[in-house]
């Protein structure tokens, strides 16, 4: 537990064998005394127990109870509460267990939980701590897009709570924060949707993905609400970006006519890629793509022309710097229209360059639009979208993240040498030391199977469910 007023932190646990606990505490103190000297700590009696006080912390034992704390007064309060009893004792009104907020949250506990945590946000907020956390706003547009709804809830929430369950196959964590789904400010409708009914699209079933994020976000509404979300300096920067981006898109309004042309809801996908032998880069970056739906399929032409203009600009810049340039290709097959740029290998001295990770493309199928770092991934996703033509079902989530540990490890393995070299440069380690650290991470990933984070907005609360699956046989 923690006490904000005194900046105190304490840990207490109970043993099922008092004699064993007493012996264990004696062994620990004896070890410290032998190695740090007689003056390393001071033992004092308090009620029916004893304190051993060090410079920065103390430990105490009271029967079967064992306490570790950084503040003596706080430790004594903990001991008093344990010895005298808390619940129903009118003399202990300031303790957490007597709080109505705590009681409300504690009702969510289950005997099946292996661990449970509670944070009194109201007390922290009223004390004036962590002001930026409770401000309800941010000056970072990316943070607002991803987490704006959570900032909305934390601004007024009384508490946050989390429960954890684990076994040899699964680690599951469920966190919640109270929230009135009808009370959010209009500017954050981009995050919640009308009446908080915004739901993310269903994840795509694509083989060998490293990870995938599906989310309800209305990008047009987010951009057009910038005056109500950000301070003046950020609004000015976004307005300048708006002007430049509008030029790229042929003079139309970027927020209303470009981002507004997309339906709410998007998918972001990441996958390992295969390379032609002659352009395999020394450092391999997975392919990534953004997938959304157009309000009107006729808007595809505007995006396609703007993409071609962007590739042309990149070619001019690359030509001036003596780097490879894109060859632009457009194909139309089976209802899929794809425009992509592929680097041309001009001489052997250009082999292995990192830029060969990219062959950017934009693809359209019906009202689906895919913007991808590679042409092949864009084509694969466009092909998958053909089976979603009549997609009307959404998930129950506002945001859903899935990750494939095996695919991520394989991606790290192909870049092992580059990771070792980077670690040597940044930390000054020897090759053996750097390699050992990288191999430790890779070894730990053998125990992971996949992970999933599911964020939902319910009528009276926000809920985050995280599940990590372990490999049980190796």
Protein backbone atom coordinates (compact mmCIF):
# COMPACT_ATOMS: atom_id res chain seq x y z
CA UNK A 1 0.00 0.00 0.00
CA UNK A 2 0.97 3.66 -0.38
CA UNK A 3 0.13 6.91 1.41
CA UNK A 4 0.36 10.03 -0.73
CA UNK A 5 0.41 12.53 2.15
CA UNK A 6 3.54 11.08 3.76
CA UNK A 7 5.05 9.62 0.57
CA UNK A 8 5.12 6.27 2.34
CA UNK A 9 5.09 2.80 0.84
CA UNK A 10 4.57 -0.43 2.76
CA UNK A 11 4.36 -4.15 2.08
CA UNK A 12 2.73 -6.60 4.49
CA UNK A 13 2.29 -10.34 4.24
CA UNK A 14 1.17 -13.07 6.58
CA UNK A 15 2.96 -16.36 7.18
CA UNK A 16 1.15 -19.59 8.09
CA UNK A 17 3.96 -20.57 10.50
CA UNK A 18 4.96 -17.96 13.11
CA UNK A 19 8.07 -19.83 14.26
CA UNK A 20 9.33 -20.24 10.72
CA UNK A 21 8.76 -16.53 10.04
CA UNK A 22 10.60 -15.61 13.24
CA UNK A 23 13.51 -17.84 12.26
CA UNK A 24 13.62 -16.47 8.72
CA UNK A 25 13.67 -12.85 9.94
CA UNK A 26 16.51 -13.74 12.31
CA UNK A 27 18.54 -15.35 9.53
CA UNK A 28 18.08 -12.28 7.29
CA UNK A 29 19.12 -9.85 10.02
CA UNK A 30 22.07 -12.07 10.95
CA UNK A 31 23.25 -12.09 7.37
CA UNK A 32 23.02 -8.28 7.17
CA UNK A 33 24.88 -7.88 10.47
CA UNK A 34 27.69 -10.19 9.36
CA UNK A 35 28.17 -8.35 6.08
CA UNK A 36 27.34 -4.74 6.97
CA UNK A 37 28.31 -4.56 10.63
CA UNK A 38 26.59 -4.14 13.96
CA UNK A 39 25.39 -0.61 13.12
CA UNK A 40 23.54 -1.57 9.91
CA UNK A 41 20.20 -1.45 11.73
CA UNK A 42 18.64 -0.82 15.12
CA UNK A 43 16.10 -3.15 16.74
CA UNK A 44 13.23 -1.59 18.74
CA UNK A 45 10.22 -3.06 20.53
CA UNK A 46 6.73 -1.88 19.58
CA UNK A 47 3.66 -3.37 21.23
CA UNK A 48 3.88 -7.13 20.72
CA UNK A 49 6.45 -6.99 17.95
CA UNK A 50 9.84 -5.68 16.93
CA UNK A 51 11.19 -3.21 14.37
CA UNK A 52 14.56 -3.42 12.65
CA UNK A 53 15.26 0.08 11.34
CA UNK A 54 17.78 0.70 8.55
CA UNK A 55 18.81 4.04 7.00
CA UNK A 56 16.14 4.13 4.29
CA UNK A 57 13.62 1.48 5.32
CA UNK A 58 12.60 -0.84 8.12
CA UNK A 59 11.19 -4.31 8.62
CA UNK A 60 8.92 -5.47 11.41
CA UNK A 61 7.33 -8.66 12.68
CA UNK A 62 4.14 -8.97 14.68
CA UNK A 63 3.20 -12.58 15.20
CA UNK A 64 2.55 -14.01 11.76
CA UNK A 65 2.57 -10.57 10.12
CA UNK A 66 5.69 -9.21 8.41
CA UNK A 67 6.00 -5.55 7.35
CA UNK A 68 8.46 -3.71 5.08
CA UNK A 69 8.14 0.10 4.84
CA UNK A 70 10.09 3.26 4.08
CA UNK A 71 8.54 5.29 6.93
CA UNK A 72 8.43 4.38 10.62
CA UNK A 73 5.16 6.17 11.42
CA UNK A 74 3.51 4.53 8.44
CA UNK A 75 4.76 1.11 9.55
CA UNK A 76 3.35 1.71 13.04
CA UNK A 77 -0.03 2.65 11.58
CA UNK A 78 0.00 -0.55 9.54
CA UNK A 79 0.86 -2.55 12.66
CA UNK A 80 -1.88 -0.85 14.70
CA UNK A 81 -4.46 -1.63 12.03
CA UNK A 82 -3.37 -5.26 11.81
CA UNK A 83 -3.39 -5.74 15.60
CA UNK A 84 -6.56 -3.80 16.38
CA UNK A 85 -8.65 -4.68 13.38
CA UNK A 86 -9.83 -2.25 10.71
CA UNK A 87 -13.29 -3.03 9.41
CA UNK A 88 -15.97 -1.63 11.69
CA UNK A 89 -13.53 0.13 14.01
CA UNK A 90 -14.67 3.77 14.26
CA UNK A 91 -11.24 4.84 15.48
CA UNK A 92 -9.71 3.98 12.13
CA UNK A 93 -11.85 6.09 9.81
CA UNK A 94 -8.88 7.30 7.76
CA UNK A 95 -7.86 3.84 6.56
CA UNK A 96 -8.52 2.63 3.06
CA UNK A 97 -10.84 -0.20 4.08
CA UNK A 98 -13.33 2.30 5.55
CA UNK A 99 -13.57 4.20 2.24
CA UNK A 100 -16.83 3.88 0.32
CA UNK A 101 -14.86 4.13 -2.93
CA UNK A 102 -12.71 1.20 -1.90
CA UNK A 103 -15.74 -0.84 -0.84
CA UNK A 104 -17.38 -0.25 -4.22
CA UNK A 105 -14.28 -1.44 -6.06
CA UNK A 106 -13.67 -4.37 -3.70
CA UNK A 107 -17.08 -5.77 -4.65
CA UNK A 108 -15.57 -6.65 -8.03
CA UNK A 109 -13.05 -8.99 -6.42
CA UNK A 110 -13.39 -12.72 -7.05
CA UNK A 111 -12.00 -15.59 -4.98
CA UNK A 112 -10.48 -16.85 -8.23
CA UNK A 113 -8.22 -13.77 -8.54
CA UNK A 114 -4.55 -14.41 -7.78
CA UNK A 115 -3.86 -10.70 -7.27
CA UNK A 116 -5.95 -7.54 -7.02
CA UNK A 117 -4.97 -3.86 -7.00
CA UNK A 118 -6.78 -0.61 -6.20
CA UNK A 119 -5.78 3.03 -6.76
CA UNK A 120 -7.71 5.92 -5.16
CA UNK A 121 -7.58 8.39 -8.06
CA UNK A 122 -9.84 10.88 -6.30
CA UNK A 123 -7.42 11.30 -3.38
CA UNK A 124 -4.43 11.62 -5.69
CA UNK A 125 -6.23 14.20 -7.84
CA UNK A 126 -7.41 16.27 -4.85
CA UNK A 127 -3.87 16.29 -3.47
CA UNK A 128 -2.70 18.01 -6.65
CA UNK A 129 -0.37 15.19 -7.67
CA UNK A 130 0.16 14.00 -11.25
CA UNK A 131 -1.60 17.07 -12.67
CA UNK A 132 -0.80 16.17 -16.28
CA UNK A 133 -2.45 12.77 -15.87
CA UNK A 134 -5.70 14.31 -14.65
CA UNK A 135 -5.71 17.29 -17.00
CA UNK A 136 -7.99 15.47 -19.43
CA UNK A 137 -6.02 16.81 -22.40
CA UNK A 138 -2.66 16.36 -24.08
CA UNK A 139 -0.56 18.43 -26.48
CA UNK A 140 0.40 15.30 -28.46
CA UNK A 141 -2.04 14.57 -31.35
CA UNK A 142 -0.90 10.93 -31.56
CA UNK A 143 -1.54 10.33 -27.85
CA UNK A 144 -4.95 11.98 -28.21
CA UNK A 145 -5.85 9.74 -31.14
CA UNK A 146 -4.84 6.56 -29.32
CA UNK A 147 -5.73 7.33 -25.70
CA UNK A 148 -7.99 10.40 -25.69
CA UNK A 149 -10.96 8.46 -24.35
CA UNK A 150 -8.94 7.11 -21.44
CA UNK A 151 -7.79 10.64 -20.56
CA UNK A 152 -11.46 11.61 -20.54
CA UNK A 153 -12.25 8.93 -17.94
CA UNK A 154 -9.23 9.50 -15.69
CA UNK A 155 -10.06 13.20 -15.42
CA UNK A 156 -13.05 12.47 -13.13
CA UNK A 157 -12.78 8.81 -12.10
CA UNK A 158 -12.75 8.01 -8.37
CA UNK A 159 -10.62 4.90 -8.67
CA UNK A 160 -8.97 2.31 -10.89
CA UNK A 161 -8.75 -1.39 -10.11
CA UNK A 162 -7.14 -4.46 -11.63
CA UNK A 163 -7.27 -8.21 -11.05
CA UNK A 164 -4.83 -10.88 -12.22
CA UNK A 165 -5.10 -14.62 -12.70
CA UNK A 166 -2.32 -16.89 -13.87
CA UNK A 167 -1.39 -20.51 -14.40
CA UNK A 168 1.15 -22.41 -16.49
CA UNK A 169 -0.78 -21.64 -19.68
CA UNK A 170 -2.19 -18.13 -19.27
CA UNK A 171 -1.64 -14.77 -17.59
CA UNK A 172 -4.83 -12.71 -17.55
CA UNK A 173 -5.20 -9.15 -16.27
CA UNK A 174 -8.48 -7.23 -16.13
CA UNK A 175 -8.34 -3.51 -15.33
CA UNK A 176 -11.31 -1.18 -15.03
CA UNK A 177 -12.08 2.45 -14.39
CA UNK A 178 -15.57 3.91 -13.78
CA UNK A 179 -16.93 6.04 -16.62
CA UNK A 180 -20.33 7.39 -17.62
CA UNK A 181 -20.51 6.50 -21.29
CA UNK A 182 -22.98 9.35 -21.94
CA UNK A 183 -20.96 12.14 -20.36
CA UNK A 184 -17.96 12.57 -22.68
CA UNK A 185 -17.28 15.88 -24.39
CA UNK A 186 -18.41 16.23 -27.99
CA UNK A 187 -14.85 16.70 -29.26
CA UNK A 188 -14.06 13.10 -28.28
CA UNK A 189 -16.81 11.51 -30.28
CA UNK A 190 -14.02 10.47 -32.67
CA UNK A 191 -12.91 8.00 -29.96
CA UNK A 192 -16.24 6.81 -28.56
CA UNK A 193 -18.63 7.11 -31.48
CA UNK A 194 -22.20 8.35 -31.19
CA UNK A 195 -23.51 7.51 -27.68
CA UNK A 196 -20.30 5.51 -27.06
CA UNK A 197 -21.47 2.88 -29.52
CA UNK A 198 -18.37 3.01 -31.72
CA UNK A 199 -16.99 -0.49 -32.24
CA UNK A 200 -13.80 -1.65 -33.94
CA UNK A 201 -14.00 -3.85 -37.05
CA UNK A 202 -13.29 -7.54 -36.66
CA UNK A 203 -9.63 -8.62 -36.90
CA UNK A 204 -8.49 -10.14 -40.20
CA UNK A 205 -7.37 -13.75 -40.32
CA UNK A 206 -4.07 -13.33 -42.18
CA UNK A 207 -1.38 -16.05 -41.86
CA UNK A 208 1.91 -15.26 -40.09
CA UNK A 209 1.03 -11.77 -38.86
CA UNK A 210 3.36 -10.31 -36.25
CA UNK A 211 0.54 -8.24 -34.87
CA UNK A 212 -2.69 -6.45 -35.62
CA UNK A 213 -4.60 -3.51 -34.14
CA UNK A 214 -8.25 -2.86 -34.91
CA UNK A 215 -9.85 0.26 -33.48
CA UNK A 216 -12.84 2.53 -33.70
CA UNK A 217 -11.44 5.95 -34.57
CA UNK A 218 -13.11 8.62 -36.70
CA UNK A 219 -10.04 10.29 -38.22
CA UNK A 220 -12.01 13.10 -39.87
CA UNK A 221 -13.78 14.03 -36.64
CA UNK A 222 -10.48 13.84 -34.73
CA UNK A 223 -8.79 16.29 -37.09
CA UNK A 224 -11.74 18.70 -37.27
CA UNK A 225 -12.01 18.78 -33.45
CA UNK A 226 -8.41 19.96 -32.99
CA UNK A 227 -9.47 23.45 -31.81
CA UNK A 228 -11.31 21.84 -28.88
CA UNK A 229 -8.63 19.26 -28.05
CA UNK A 230 -5.26 21.01 -28.17
CA UNK A 231 -3.54 24.20 -26.95
CA UNK A 232 -3.00 27.09 -29.37
CA UNK A 233 0.59 26.21 -30.29
CA UNK A 234 -0.41 22.68 -31.34
CA UNK A 235 -3.44 24.00 -33.25
CA UNK A 236 -1.12 26.34 -35.18
CA UNK A 237 1.21 23.45 -36.09
CA UNK A 238 -1.71 21.30 -37.23
CA UNK A 239 -3.14 24.17 -39.25
CA UNK A 240 0.18 24.51 -41.06
CA UNK A 241 0.24 20.77 -41.70
CA UNK A 242 -3.37 20.98 -42.89
CA UNK A 243 -2.35 23.54 -45.53
CA UNK A 244 0.58 21.46 -46.77
CA UNK A 245 -1.39 18.21 -46.87
CA UNK A 246 -4.28 19.90 -48.66
CA UNK A 247 -1.82 20.88 -51.41
CA UNK A 248 -0.74 17.24 -51.79
CA UNK A 249 -4.39 16.24 -52.16
CA UNK A 250 -5.18 18.74 -54.87
CA UNK A 251 -6.30 21.70 -52.78
CA UNK A 252 -9.21 20.03 -50.97
CA UNK A 253 -9.67 20.37 -47.21
CA UNK A 254 -7.54 17.68 -45.55
CA UNK A 255 -9.75 17.12 -42.52
CA UNK A 256 -13.17 17.24 -44.14
CA UNK A 257 -12.51 15.94 -47.66
CA UNK A 258 -9.57 13.57 -47.11
CA UNK A 259 -9.81 12.11 -43.60
CA UNK A 260 -13.55 12.71 -43.68
CA UNK A 261 -13.75 10.45 -46.74
CA UNK A 262 -12.94 7.47 -44.49
CA UNK A 263 -15.49 5.57 -42.47
CA UNK A 264 -14.80 5.31 -38.72
CA UNK A 265 -12.83 2.19 -37.83
CA UNK A 266 -9.44 1.03 -39.05
CA UNK A 267 -7.04 -1.89 -39.07
CA UNK A 268 -3.25 -1.68 -38.70
CA UNK A 269 -1.40 -4.89 -39.59
CA UNK A 270 2.26 -5.96 -39.46
CA UNK A 271 3.80 -8.98 -41.21
CA UNK A 272 7.25 -10.30 -42.12
CA UNK A 273 8.09 -9.97 -45.77
CA UNK A 274 10.01 -11.89 -48.40
CA UNK A 275 12.60 -10.25 -50.62
CA UNK A 276 14.05 -10.73 -54.06
CA UNK A 277 17.57 -12.03 -53.63
CA UNK A 278 19.22 -9.09 -55.36
CA UNK A 279 17.65 -6.46 -53.06
CA UNK A 280 17.55 -8.23 -49.69
CA UNK A 281 18.37 -5.49 -47.14
CA UNK A 282 20.92 -6.05 -44.39
CA UNK A 283 18.34 -4.98 -41.80
CA UNK A 284 14.89 -6.42 -42.47
CA UNK A 285 11.81 -4.43 -41.42
CA UNK A 286 8.40 -6.10 -41.45
CA UNK A 287 5.72 -4.86 -43.82
CA UNK A 288 2.96 -2.73 -42.28
CA UNK A 289 -0.32 -1.40 -43.57
CA UNK A 290 -3.34 0.73 -42.70
CA UNK A 291 -6.68 -0.57 -43.88
CA UNK A 292 -9.92 1.43 -43.87
CA UNK A 293 -13.15 1.93 -45.78
CA UNK A 294 -14.20 4.86 -47.94
CA UNK A 295 -17.49 6.64 -47.42
CA UNK A 296 -17.78 6.79 -51.20
CA UNK A 297 -15.78 4.39 -53.44
CA UNK A 298 -15.53 7.16 -56.07
CA UNK A 299 -13.05 8.95 -53.78
CA UNK A 300 -10.48 6.27 -54.62
CA UNK A 301 -9.27 8.30 -57.61
CA UNK A 302 -8.32 11.28 -55.39
CA UNK A 303 -6.24 9.07 -53.11
CA UNK A 304 -4.60 7.24 -56.01
CA UNK A 305 -3.58 10.45 -57.80
CA UNK A 306 -2.23 11.93 -54.54
CA UNK A 307 -0.23 8.76 -53.93
CA UNK A 308 1.31 9.00 -57.40
CA UNK A 309 2.21 12.65 -56.77
CA UNK A 310 3.89 11.69 -53.49
CA UNK A 311 5.94 8.96 -55.19
CA UNK A 312 6.97 11.45 -57.86
CA UNK A 313 8.16 13.89 -55.23
CA UNK A 314 10.17 11.13 -53.51
CA UNK A 315 11.76 10.20 -56.84
CA UNK A 316 12.88 13.78 -57.44
CA UNK A 317 14.44 13.93 -53.99
CA UNK A 318 16.12 10.50 -54.39
CA UNK A 319 17.48 11.42 -57.84
CA UNK A 320 19.08 14.57 -56.46
CA UNK A 321 20.82 12.53 -53.74
CA UNK A 322 21.93 9.71 -56.02
CA UNK A 323 19.69 7.08 -54.43
CA UNK A 324 17.54 4.47 -56.17
CA UNK A 325 14.19 5.68 -57.48
CA UNK A 326 10.76 4.06 -57.57
CA UNK A 327 9.28 2.56 -60.67
CA UNK A 328 5.51 3.18 -60.47
CA UNK A 329 3.19 0.41 -61.61
CA UNK A 330 -0.61 0.26 -61.69
CA UNK A 331 -2.57 -2.95 -62.07
CA UNK A 332 -6.26 -3.82 -62.06
CA UNK A 333 -7.30 -7.42 -61.59
CA UNK A 334 -10.30 -9.20 -60.04
CA UNK A 335 -11.77 -5.90 -58.88
CA UNK A 336 -8.54 -4.86 -57.15
CA UNK A 337 -6.83 -1.68 -58.34
CA UNK A 338 -3.27 -1.32 -57.05
CA UNK A 339 -0.67 1.38 -57.53
CA UNK A 340 2.78 0.71 -56.13
CA UNK A 341 6.35 1.87 -56.34
CA UNK A 342 9.28 -0.51 -56.52
CA UNK A 343 12.94 0.43 -56.17
CA UNK A 344 15.15 -0.18 -59.18
CA UNK A 345 18.55 -1.78 -58.44
CA UNK A 346 20.96 0.26 -60.54
CA UNK A 347 24.31 -1.26 -59.49
CA UNK A 348 25.79 -3.75 -57.04
CA UNK A 349 27.02 -0.99 -54.71
CA UNK A 350 23.38 -0.40 -53.72
CA UNK A 351 22.79 -3.93 -52.44
CA UNK A 352 21.69 -4.34 -48.84
CA UNK A 353 20.27 -0.83 -48.38
CA UNK A 354 17.53 -0.50 -45.75
CA UNK A 355 15.27 1.32 -48.21
CA UNK A 356 14.68 -2.00 -50.02
CA UNK A 357 12.30 -2.82 -47.18
CA UNK A 358 9.83 -0.51 -48.86
CA UNK A 359 7.80 -0.74 -52.04
CA UNK A 360 4.90 1.53 -50.96
CA UNK A 361 1.50 0.88 -52.45
CA UNK A 362 -2.13 1.90 -52.29
CA UNK A 363 -4.85 -0.58 -53.20
CA UNK A 364 -8.63 -0.44 -53.55
CA UNK A 365 -11.23 -3.16 -53.57
CA UNK A 366 -14.87 -2.08 -53.49
CA UNK A 367 -14.93 0.57 -50.69
CA UNK A 368 -11.81 -0.79 -48.94
CA UNK A 369 -8.56 1.17 -49.12
CA UNK A 370 -5.16 -0.21 -48.10
CA UNK A 371 -2.03 1.91 -47.70
CA UNK A 372 0.97 -0.37 -47.26
CA UNK A 373 4.75 -0.20 -46.97
CA UNK A 374 5.01 -2.98 -49.57
CA UNK A 375 3.16 -3.84 -52.75
CA UNK A 376 2.85 -7.54 -51.91
CA UNK A 377 1.24 -6.87 -48.52
CA UNK A 378 -1.18 -4.38 -50.09
CA UNK A 379 -2.18 -7.00 -52.66
CA UNK A 380 -2.65 -9.68 -49.98
CA UNK A 381 -4.87 -7.43 -47.86
CA UNK A 382 -6.88 -6.28 -50.87
CA UNK A 383 -7.45 -9.93 -51.75
CA UNK A 384 -8.58 -10.61 -48.16
CA UNK A 385 -10.97 -7.64 -48.29
CA UNK A 386 -12.84 -9.27 -51.17
CA UNK A 387 -14.37 -11.60 -48.59
CA UNK A 388 -15.46 -8.61 -46.49
CA UNK A 389 -17.62 -6.94 -49.12
CA UNK A 390 -20.76 -7.38 -47.05
CA UNK A 391 -19.04 -6.80 -43.71
CA UNK A 392 -21.66 -5.52 -41.28
CA UNK A 393 -20.55 -7.13 -38.02
CA UNK A 394 -18.22 -5.28 -35.70
CA UNK A 395 -16.37 -6.51 -32.65
CA UNK A 396 -17.45 -5.74 -29.08
CA UNK A 397 -14.25 -3.72 -28.58
CA UNK A 398 -13.24 -0.12 -28.97
CA UNK A 399 -9.63 -1.22 -29.55
CA UNK A 400 -8.15 -4.70 -29.91
CA UNK A 401 -4.47 -5.66 -30.17
CA UNK A 402 -3.18 -9.14 -31.01
CA UNK A 403 0.47 -10.28 -31.23
CA UNK A 404 2.10 -13.52 -32.42
CA UNK A 405 5.23 -14.25 -30.35
CA UNK A 406 6.60 -16.90 -32.73
CA UNK A 407 6.42 -14.55 -35.72
CA UNK A 408 7.97 -11.69 -33.72
CA UNK A 409 10.82 -13.93 -32.60
CA UNK A 410 11.50 -15.02 -36.18
CA UNK A 411 11.68 -11.37 -37.20
CA UNK A 412 14.19 -10.70 -34.43
CA UNK A 413 16.24 -13.76 -35.39
CA UNK A 414 16.81 -12.58 -38.95
CA UNK A 415 18.05 -9.28 -37.52
CA UNK A 416 20.12 -10.81 -34.69
CA UNK A 417 23.48 -9.62 -36.01
CA UNK A 418 22.18 -6.09 -36.53
CA UNK A 419 20.72 -6.04 -33.01
CA UNK A 420 24.01 -7.22 -31.52
CA UNK A 421 25.93 -4.54 -33.41
CA UNK A 422 23.47 -1.85 -32.32
CA UNK A 423 23.79 -2.90 -28.68
CA UNK A 424 27.60 -2.79 -28.92
CA UNK A 425 27.52 0.75 -30.35
CA UNK A 426 24.92 2.17 -27.95
CA UNK A 427 26.08 0.58 -24.69
CA UNK A 428 29.79 -0.07 -25.32
CA UNK A 429 29.43 -3.80 -24.56
CA UNK A 430 31.68 -6.47 -26.04
CA UNK A 431 30.24 -8.64 -28.77
CA UNK A 432 29.86 -11.59 -26.40
CA UNK A 433 28.01 -9.45 -23.84
CA UNK A 434 25.69 -7.95 -26.43
CA UNK A 435 25.01 -11.34 -28.03
CA UNK A 436 24.24 -12.87 -24.62
CA UNK A 437 21.64 -10.17 -23.91
CA UNK A 438 19.94 -10.58 -27.29
CA UNK A 439 19.93 -14.38 -26.97
CA UNK A 440 18.39 -14.10 -23.49
CA UNK A 441 15.48 -12.14 -24.94
CA UNK A 442 15.10 -14.63 -27.78
CA UNK A 443 15.20 -17.50 -25.30
CA UNK A 444 12.49 -15.97 -23.13
CA UNK A 445 10.27 -15.61 -26.19
CA UNK A 446 10.30 -19.41 -26.54
CA UNK A 447 7.91 -19.47 -23.59
CA UNK A 448 5.43 -17.06 -25.18
CA UNK A 449 2.73 -18.05 -27.62
CA UNK A 450 0.61 -14.97 -28.22
CA UNK A 451 -0.84 -11.93 -26.49
CA UNK A 452 -4.10 -10.03 -26.74
CA UNK A 453 -5.30 -6.71 -25.29
CA UNK A 454 -9.02 -5.90 -25.52
CA UNK A 455 -10.24 -2.39 -24.57
CA UNK A 456 -14.01 -1.92 -24.23
CA UNK A 457 -16.26 1.02 -23.35
CA UNK A 458 -19.26 -0.17 -21.35
CA UNK A 459 -22.18 1.94 -20.05
CA UNK A 460 -20.64 2.55 -16.60
CA UNK A 461 -16.97 1.68 -16.97
CA UNK A 462 -13.98 1.16 -19.23
CA UNK A 463 -12.44 -2.31 -19.20
CA UNK A 464 -9.05 -3.53 -20.41
CA UNK A 465 -8.54 -7.29 -20.68
CA UNK A 466 -4.99 -8.51 -21.34
CA UNK A 467 -4.19 -12.18 -21.94
CA UNK A 468 -0.79 -13.73 -22.51
CA UNK A 469 -0.65 -17.36 -23.62
CA UNK A 470 2.43 -19.46 -22.79
CA UNK A 471 3.94 -22.41 -24.60
CA UNK A 472 3.44 -25.40 -22.30
CA UNK A 473 5.66 -27.84 -24.17
CA UNK A 474 9.06 -27.02 -25.63
